[in-house]
Amino acid sequence: MSQLSLIIPFHDQPFARRSAEAIKRMTKCLSVVDNMSQLQLIVPTNKRSLFCETSKRYFVNYIPSEGVYSPGQARNKAVLQSRTDFVFFVDADLICSPVLVNSLNEQCLVSKLEQQTEFEMYPCLYLTKEETEHFDGDFQGCLESFLRGENHRVEGIALASSCLLMNREWFLQLGGFDEQFVGHGGEDLELIDRLTRHYPIGPRPDDYALNIKAQHPGDYQGFRRYFSYYALPHLFAGRFLVHQWHPRPLTHPYHKRRANNDQLLEQMLARSEAERGPLKGPVVPCNDLGGELPDFREWMIRLQEEAGYPVSEYPGLLRWQEGVQRKRPLWRKLRKLYLNPRAFFRDMFKTTSR
């Protein structure tokens, strides 16, 4: 019996060119399977012929999607189909580093022997369009480029991600991903919020409910900063993934649904403990940080320098390198104006008032 299920939702796009590009990204994502033993691969997808177009070497459970595609719902269905002790969620546009791949079976084995039900959350580097086109597996080179504060290979990072390794029964006991989230976004962060309630790494800060994104982790606020305490050590150990760049037109329903999901997430995180109701299992404090949260920036810098990346040479988690030209594509501004006009004009006012 396999001990680990790799769950990769895939939803085919209606246009031929976009479909071919998505399948190409999926093929790169699946390259990880060749290096993983004791694996069950489950792909909830609306494209039955997907693996005829990629490779027949993979064991797949075909699970069609219904209605509006929601990756959280697709993952829930996949977990019900799995027959393993652990599940690992990966998106179809991600590629796991070899170091991460090689650590998964060992992590599952240790957790099983010690009867642990904790979760692991792995960070993602977002490759540029150019790096995606030529990416040859140089994970370390991309990491070091980003840490140096460059942006020609990696354009950003997500420390808190949906790349979660979990005990399957514990996932089911928690109720899985909340299916109130329709389409993409929010469902992963809401699940991480519940997980961290059961495995608190320290007291939650007063600004925990803030849903504010930042380019550099040093500027994180709210729950993103809190979640990062769980994920950052994996980055310096080489246990991370890279996200393959792909276009997402402004007219795509993803954007509006994502905006609605962000609002729902903010409402959920702002609830009091009484409003949330009782936990569905034990609370096991993490002792990694001694039960108290150190200042995030100071802790991040210390962790980075202990890993051999002095901030003087590798400022990327805090800021861009001196002289690096910041990329401000027009479509990003238009997207913000379209989705969140209040934030757009607030930022414009800040810029013009400087």
Protein backbone atom coordinates (compact mmCIF):
# COMPACT_ATOMS: atom_id res chain seq x y z
CA MET A 1 0.00 0.00 0.00
CA SER A 2 1.26 3.48 -0.84
CA GLN A 3 1.88 5.73 2.12
CA LEU A 4 1.51 9.03 0.24
CA SER A 5 -1.03 10.45 -2.21
CA LEU A 6 0.12 13.26 -4.46
CA ILE A 7 -2.98 15.29 -5.31
CA ILE A 8 -2.77 17.62 -8.32
CA PRO A 9 -6.04 19.21 -9.50
CA PHE A 10 -6.11 19.97 -13.22
CA HIS A 11 -8.87 21.89 -14.99
CA ASP A 12 -8.62 22.09 -18.76
CA GLN A 13 -9.03 25.44 -20.47
CA PRO A 14 -11.52 25.83 -23.34
CA PHE A 15 -9.07 27.31 -25.86
CA ALA A 16 -6.70 24.99 -27.68
CA ARG A 17 -3.51 27.03 -27.25
CA ARG A 18 -4.13 27.68 -23.56
CA SER A 19 -4.96 24.00 -23.09
CA ALA A 20 -1.70 22.89 -24.71
CA GLU A 21 0.32 25.28 -22.53
CA ALA A 22 -1.44 24.07 -19.37
CA ILE A 23 -0.74 20.43 -20.26
CA LYS A 24 2.91 21.32 -20.84
CA ARG A 25 3.11 22.84 -17.35
CA MET A 26 1.32 19.81 -15.91
CA THR A 27 3.83 17.48 -17.60
CA LYS A 28 6.71 19.33 -15.92
CA CYS A 29 4.86 19.11 -12.61
CA LEU A 30 4.43 15.35 -13.03
CA SER A 31 8.14 14.85 -13.64
CA VAL A 32 8.37 14.61 -9.86
CA VAL A 33 6.53 11.26 -9.91
CA ASP A 34 9.49 9.43 -11.40
CA ASN A 35 11.50 10.13 -8.26
CA MET A 36 8.88 9.20 -5.68
CA SER A 37 8.36 5.66 -4.42
CA GLN A 38 5.27 4.41 -2.59
CA LEU A 39 3.16 7.01 -4.32
CA GLN A 40 -0.46 7.21 -5.37
CA LEU A 41 -1.14 10.00 -7.85
CA ILE A 42 -4.67 11.42 -7.92
CA VAL A 43 -5.64 14.04 -10.47
CA PRO A 44 -9.15 15.46 -10.17
CA THR A 45 -9.69 16.72 -13.71
CA ASN A 46 -12.32 17.43 -16.34
CA LYS A 47 -10.02 16.08 -19.08
CA ARG A 48 -10.19 12.30 -19.26
CA SER A 49 -7.61 12.12 -22.06
CA LEU A 50 -5.04 14.15 -20.14
CA PHE A 51 -2.70 11.26 -19.49
CA CYS A 52 -2.94 9.91 -22.97
CA GLU A 53 -1.45 13.24 -24.02
CA THR A 54 1.30 13.21 -21.38
CA SER A 55 2.31 9.72 -20.32
CA LYS A 56 0.66 6.42 -19.43
CA ARG A 57 3.19 5.65 -16.73
CA TYR A 58 1.18 7.31 -13.97
CA PHE A 59 -1.47 5.72 -11.79
CA VAL A 60 -4.40 8.12 -11.85
CA ASN A 61 -7.84 8.33 -10.30
CA TYR A 62 -10.00 10.30 -12.72
CA ILE A 63 -12.41 12.58 -10.85
CA PRO A 64 -14.48 14.91 -13.06
CA SER A 65 -15.25 18.44 -11.90
CA GLU A 66 -18.83 19.72 -11.74
CA GLY A 67 -20.16 23.28 -11.97
CA VAL A 68 -17.78 26.17 -11.27
CA TYR A 69 -14.31 24.76 -10.88
CA SER A 70 -12.99 25.06 -7.33
CA PRO A 71 -9.63 23.47 -6.47
CA GLY A 72 -10.65 23.09 -2.81
CA GLN A 73 -13.64 20.99 -3.77
CA ALA A 74 -11.54 19.00 -6.24
CA ARG A 75 -8.93 18.28 -3.55
CA ASN A 76 -11.62 17.14 -1.11
CA LYS A 77 -12.95 14.63 -3.66
CA ALA A 78 -9.44 13.39 -4.34
CA VAL A 79 -8.71 12.77 -0.65
CA LEU A 80 -11.87 10.67 -0.38
CA GLN A 81 -10.55 8.56 -3.27
CA SER A 82 -7.11 8.15 -1.71
CA ARG A 83 -6.06 5.07 0.23
CA THR A 84 -2.89 6.34 1.87
CA ASP A 85 -1.81 7.55 5.29
CA PHE A 86 -0.69 10.97 4.03
CA VAL A 87 -1.71 13.45 1.33
CA PHE A 88 0.39 16.11 -0.36
CA PHE A 89 -1.31 18.91 -2.31
CA VAL A 90 0.43 20.44 -5.31
CA ASP A 91 -0.98 22.74 -8.00
CA ALA A 92 -0.57 21.80 -11.66
CA ASP A 93 1.65 24.79 -12.41
CA LEU A 94 4.23 23.98 -9.71
CA ILE A 95 7.42 21.92 -9.78
CA CYS A 96 8.89 20.37 -6.63
CA SER A 97 12.60 20.68 -5.94
CA PRO A 98 14.49 17.34 -5.75
CA VAL A 99 15.36 18.07 -2.12
CA LEU A 100 11.67 18.38 -1.26
CA VAL A 101 10.79 15.23 -3.23
CA ASN A 102 13.47 13.21 -1.45
CA SER A 103 12.28 14.38 1.97
CA LEU A 104 8.58 13.53 1.63
CA ASN A 105 8.71 9.77 2.21
CA GLU A 106 11.04 10.21 5.17
CA GLN A 107 8.77 12.87 6.68
CA CYS A 108 5.75 10.56 6.28
CA LEU A 109 7.63 7.67 7.87
CA VAL A 110 8.75 9.74 10.87
CA SER A 111 5.25 11.15 11.37
CA LYS A 112 3.74 7.67 11.21
CA LEU A 113 6.23 6.11 13.62
CA GLU A 114 5.83 8.95 16.11
CA GLN A 115 2.05 9.12 15.52
CA GLN A 116 2.25 12.79 14.66
CA THR A 117 -0.59 14.61 12.90
CA GLU A 118 1.13 17.96 12.37
CA PHE A 119 1.23 19.50 8.92
CA GLU A 120 4.08 20.78 6.77
CA MET A 121 3.72 23.82 4.52
CA TYR A 122 6.24 24.48 1.76
CA PRO A 123 7.08 27.85 0.13
CA CYS A 124 6.95 28.65 -3.59
CA LEU A 125 9.16 30.83 -5.78
CA TYR A 126 7.36 32.53 -8.69
CA LEU A 127 9.44 32.28 -11.85
CA THR A 128 9.45 35.05 -14.43
CA LYS A 129 8.09 34.39 -17.91
CA GLU A 130 11.62 34.16 -19.30
CA GLU A 131 12.84 31.78 -16.59
CA THR A 132 9.77 29.56 -17.03
CA GLU A 133 10.51 29.19 -20.74
CA HIS A 134 14.10 28.09 -20.10
CA PHE A 135 13.88 26.47 -16.66
CA ASP A 136 16.19 23.45 -16.54
CA GLY A 137 15.84 22.39 -12.92
CA ASP A 138 18.24 24.91 -11.40
CA PHE A 139 16.28 25.35 -8.18
CA GLN A 140 19.29 26.46 -6.15
CA GLY A 141 20.25 29.06 -8.73
CA CYS A 142 16.74 30.52 -8.70
CA LEU A 143 16.71 30.62 -4.90
CA GLU A 144 20.06 32.38 -4.70
CA SER A 145 19.06 34.86 -7.41
CA PHE A 146 15.94 35.80 -5.47
CA LEU A 147 17.84 36.03 -2.19
CA ARG A 148 20.33 38.38 -3.85
CA GLY A 149 17.42 40.71 -4.55
CA GLU A 150 17.36 40.13 -8.30
CA ASN A 151 14.14 39.84 -10.29
CA HIS A 152 15.13 38.51 -13.71
CA ARG A 153 14.66 34.84 -12.71
CA VAL A 154 12.20 35.00 -9.83
CA GLU A 155 9.58 37.71 -9.52
CA GLY A 156 8.21 36.85 -6.09
CA ILE A 157 7.70 34.35 -3.31
CA ALA A 158 4.86 32.87 -1.29
CA LEU A 159 5.92 31.47 2.07
CA ALA A 160 2.37 30.48 3.01
CA SER A 161 1.05 28.20 0.25
CA SER A 162 -1.43 25.44 -0.52
CA CYS A 163 1.48 22.96 -0.78
CA LEU A 164 0.56 21.05 2.36
CA LEU A 165 1.68 17.64 3.59
CA MET A 166 -0.91 16.20 5.99
CA ASN A 167 -2.12 13.08 7.70
CA ARG A 168 -5.14 11.97 5.64
CA GLU A 169 -7.41 11.02 8.53
CA TRP A 170 -6.66 14.28 10.28
CA PHE A 171 -7.51 16.20 7.11
CA LEU A 172 -10.89 14.44 6.98
CA GLN A 173 -11.51 15.01 10.68
CA LEU A 174 -10.94 18.74 10.17
CA GLY A 175 -13.48 18.76 7.35
CA GLY A 176 -11.02 19.42 4.54
CA PHE A 177 -11.12 22.58 2.45
CA ASP A 178 -14.12 24.84 3.06
CA GLU A 179 -16.30 24.60 -0.05
CA GLN A 180 -17.86 28.01 0.54
CA PHE A 181 -14.92 29.31 -1.48
CA VAL A 182 -15.99 29.23 -5.14
CA GLY A 183 -13.23 29.20 -7.72
CA HIS A 184 -9.60 29.90 -6.78
CA GLY A 185 -8.24 31.54 -3.67
CA GLY A 186 -8.88 31.68 0.04
CA GLU A 187 -9.65 28.01 0.65
CA ASP A 188 -6.00 27.15 1.29
CA LEU A 189 -5.38 30.03 3.71
CA GLU A 190 -8.58 29.25 5.62
CA LEU A 191 -7.47 25.63 6.09
CA ILE A 192 -4.02 26.77 7.23
CA ASP A 193 -5.76 29.05 9.72
CA ARG A 194 -7.58 26.04 11.22
CA LEU A 195 -4.41 23.97 11.25
CA THR A 196 -2.48 26.65 13.10
CA ARG A 197 -5.24 26.81 15.73
CA HIS A 198 -4.50 23.15 16.49
CA TYR A 199 -0.72 23.63 16.23
CA PRO A 200 -0.03 27.17 17.46
CA ILE A 201 3.58 28.19 17.02
CA GLY A 202 3.00 31.12 19.37
CA PRO A 203 0.32 33.65 20.35
CA ARG A 204 -1.49 35.25 17.43
CA PRO A 205 -0.65 38.90 16.86
CA ASP A 206 -3.26 41.64 17.16
CA ASP A 207 -3.15 42.26 13.41
CA TYR A 208 -3.69 38.57 12.57
CA ALA A 209 -6.86 39.08 10.48
CA LEU A 210 -5.18 41.55 8.07
CA ASN A 211 -5.28 40.33 4.47
CA ILE A 212 -2.54 42.54 3.00
CA LYS A 213 -0.11 41.23 0.41
CA ALA A 214 3.51 42.37 0.19
CA GLN A 215 6.27 41.86 -2.36
CA HIS A 216 8.89 40.97 0.25
CA PRO A 217 8.38 38.75 3.33
CA GLY A 218 10.09 41.34 5.50
CA ASP A 219 7.00 43.51 4.96
CA TYR A 220 4.46 40.79 5.72
CA GLN A 221 1.62 41.62 8.11
CA GLY A 222 -1.25 39.73 9.68
CA PHE A 223 -1.79 36.04 9.09
CA ARG A 224 0.76 35.87 6.25
CA ARG A 225 3.52 36.85 8.67
CA TYR A 226 2.23 34.35 11.26
CA PHE A 227 2.01 31.49 8.73
CA SER A 228 5.55 32.24 7.55
CA TYR A 229 6.99 31.05 10.84
CA TYR A 230 5.93 27.53 9.78
CA ALA A 231 7.26 27.68 6.21
CA LEU A 232 10.47 29.70 6.15
CA PRO A 233 12.82 27.00 7.54
CA HIS A 234 11.91 24.80 4.56
CA LEU A 235 13.15 27.46 2.13
CA PHE A 236 16.71 27.51 3.43
CA ALA A 237 16.75 23.71 3.58
CA GLY A 238 15.93 23.55 -0.15
CA ARG A 239 12.43 22.15 0.40
CA PHE A 240 10.42 24.43 -1.86
CA LEU A 241 8.61 24.57 -5.20
CA VAL A 242 8.72 26.86 -8.22
CA HIS A 243 5.65 28.30 -9.91
CA GLN A 244 5.63 28.34 -13.70
CA TRP A 245 4.56 31.69 -15.13
CA HIS A 246 1.38 31.71 -17.21
CA PRO A 247 -1.01 34.42 -18.40
CA ARG A 248 -4.31 35.05 -16.66
CA PRO A 249 -6.42 37.49 -18.72
CA LEU A 250 -8.23 40.20 -16.81
CA THR A 251 -11.53 38.98 -18.25
CA HIS A 252 -11.00 35.54 -16.70
CA PRO A 253 -13.66 34.82 -14.00
CA TYR A 254 -10.76 33.85 -11.71
CA HIS A 255 -10.24 37.50 -10.78
CA LYS A 256 -13.76 38.36 -9.66
CA ARG A 257 -14.17 35.09 -7.79
CA ARG A 258 -10.80 35.64 -6.16
CA ALA A 259 -11.93 39.09 -4.96
CA ASN A 260 -15.09 37.56 -3.47
CA ASN A 261 -13.05 34.80 -1.83
CA ASP A 262 -10.69 37.36 -0.31
CA GLN A 263 -13.67 39.10 1.30
CA LEU A 264 -14.98 35.80 2.64
CA LEU A 265 -11.54 34.94 4.05
CA GLU A 266 -11.26 38.29 5.83
CA GLN A 267 -14.68 37.78 7.42
CA MET A 268 -13.74 34.29 8.61
CA LEU A 269 -10.40 35.32 10.09
CA ALA A 270 -11.94 38.27 11.92
CA ARG A 271 -14.33 36.02 13.87
CA SER A 272 -13.85 35.65 17.60
CA GLU A 273 -12.97 32.27 19.10
CA ALA A 274 -16.56 31.96 20.36
CA GLU A 275 -17.92 32.57 16.86
CA ARG A 276 -15.59 29.98 15.39
CA GLY A 277 -16.92 27.23 17.63
CA PRO A 278 -15.04 24.35 19.27
CA LEU A 279 -11.96 22.82 17.69
CA LYS A 280 -12.31 19.40 16.05
CA GLY A 281 -9.38 17.82 17.81
CA PRO A 282 -6.45 18.36 20.18
CA VAL A 283 -4.33 21.49 20.47
CA VAL A 284 -0.62 20.64 20.31
CA PRO A 285 1.60 23.74 20.63
CA CYS A 286 4.66 23.72 18.38
CA ASN A 287 7.84 24.15 20.39
CA ASP A 288 10.07 25.20 17.51
CA LEU A 289 10.17 28.79 18.75
CA GLY A 290 9.80 28.05 22.45
CA GLY A 291 6.13 29.02 22.54
CA GLU A 292 6.86 32.72 21.94
CA LEU A 293 7.04 34.56 18.65
CA PRO A 294 10.28 36.46 18.11
CA ASP A 295 10.25 39.60 16.00
CA PHE A 296 9.66 38.26 12.50
CA ARG A 297 12.26 40.31 10.61
CA GLU A 298 14.95 39.63 13.22
CA TRP A 299 14.13 35.92 13.26
CA MET A 300 14.11 35.73 9.45
CA ILE A 301 17.50 37.46 9.20
CA ARG A 302 19.01 35.18 11.86
CA LEU A 303 17.67 32.07 10.10
CA GLN A 304 18.98 33.30 6.76
CA GLU A 305 22.46 34.10 8.05
CA GLU A 306 22.69 30.76 9.87
CA ALA A 307 21.98 29.15 6.48
CA GLY A 308 24.94 31.00 4.96
CA TYR A 309 23.17 33.92 3.29
CA PRO A 310 24.35 37.18 4.93
CA VAL A 311 21.81 39.95 4.42
CA SER A 312 24.49 42.31 3.17
CA GLU A 313 24.85 40.08 0.09
CA TYR A 314 21.38 38.55 0.04
CA PRO A 315 18.76 41.23 0.84
CA GLY A 316 16.00 39.66 -1.29
CA LEU A 317 13.62 38.73 1.53
CA LEU A 318 13.66 42.37 2.61
CA ARG A 319 14.04 44.41 -0.57
CA TRP A 320 15.30 44.45 -4.14
CA GLN A 321 19.02 44.75 -4.70
CA GLU A 322 20.40 48.24 -5.28
CA GLY A 323 20.02 49.18 -8.94
CA VAL A 324 17.46 46.50 -9.80
CA GLN A 325 14.75 47.93 -12.01
CA ARG A 326 11.32 47.26 -10.59
CA LYS A 327 8.86 45.81 -13.04
CA ARG A 328 5.48 47.54 -13.04
CA PRO A 329 3.53 46.03 -15.93
CA LEU A 330 0.43 47.97 -16.95
CA TRP A 331 -1.82 44.93 -16.63
CA ARG A 332 -1.12 44.72 -12.89
CA LYS A 333 -2.36 48.28 -12.42
CA LEU A 334 -5.42 47.62 -14.55
CA ARG A 335 -6.16 44.47 -12.56
CA LYS A 336 -6.05 46.37 -9.29
CA LEU A 337 -8.27 49.13 -10.71
CA TYR A 338 -10.75 46.51 -11.94
CA LEU A 339 -10.83 44.40 -8.79
CA ASN A 340 -10.14 46.85 -5.99
CA PRO A 341 -10.56 50.48 -7.10
CA ARG A 342 -10.37 51.75 -3.51
CA ALA A 343 -6.88 50.27 -3.05
CA PHE A 344 -5.85 51.47 -6.51
CA PHE A 345 -6.66 55.12 -5.82
CA ARG A 346 -5.23 54.90 -2.29
CA ASP A 347 -1.89 53.71 -3.69
CA MET A 348 -1.99 56.33 -6.44
CA PHE A 349 -2.52 59.03 -3.82
CA LYS A 350 0.44 57.76 -1.79
CA THR A 351 2.65 57.80 -4.88
CA THR A 352 1.73 61.31 -5.98
CA SER A 353 1.99 62.75 -2.46
CA ARG A 354 5.60 61.65 -1.95
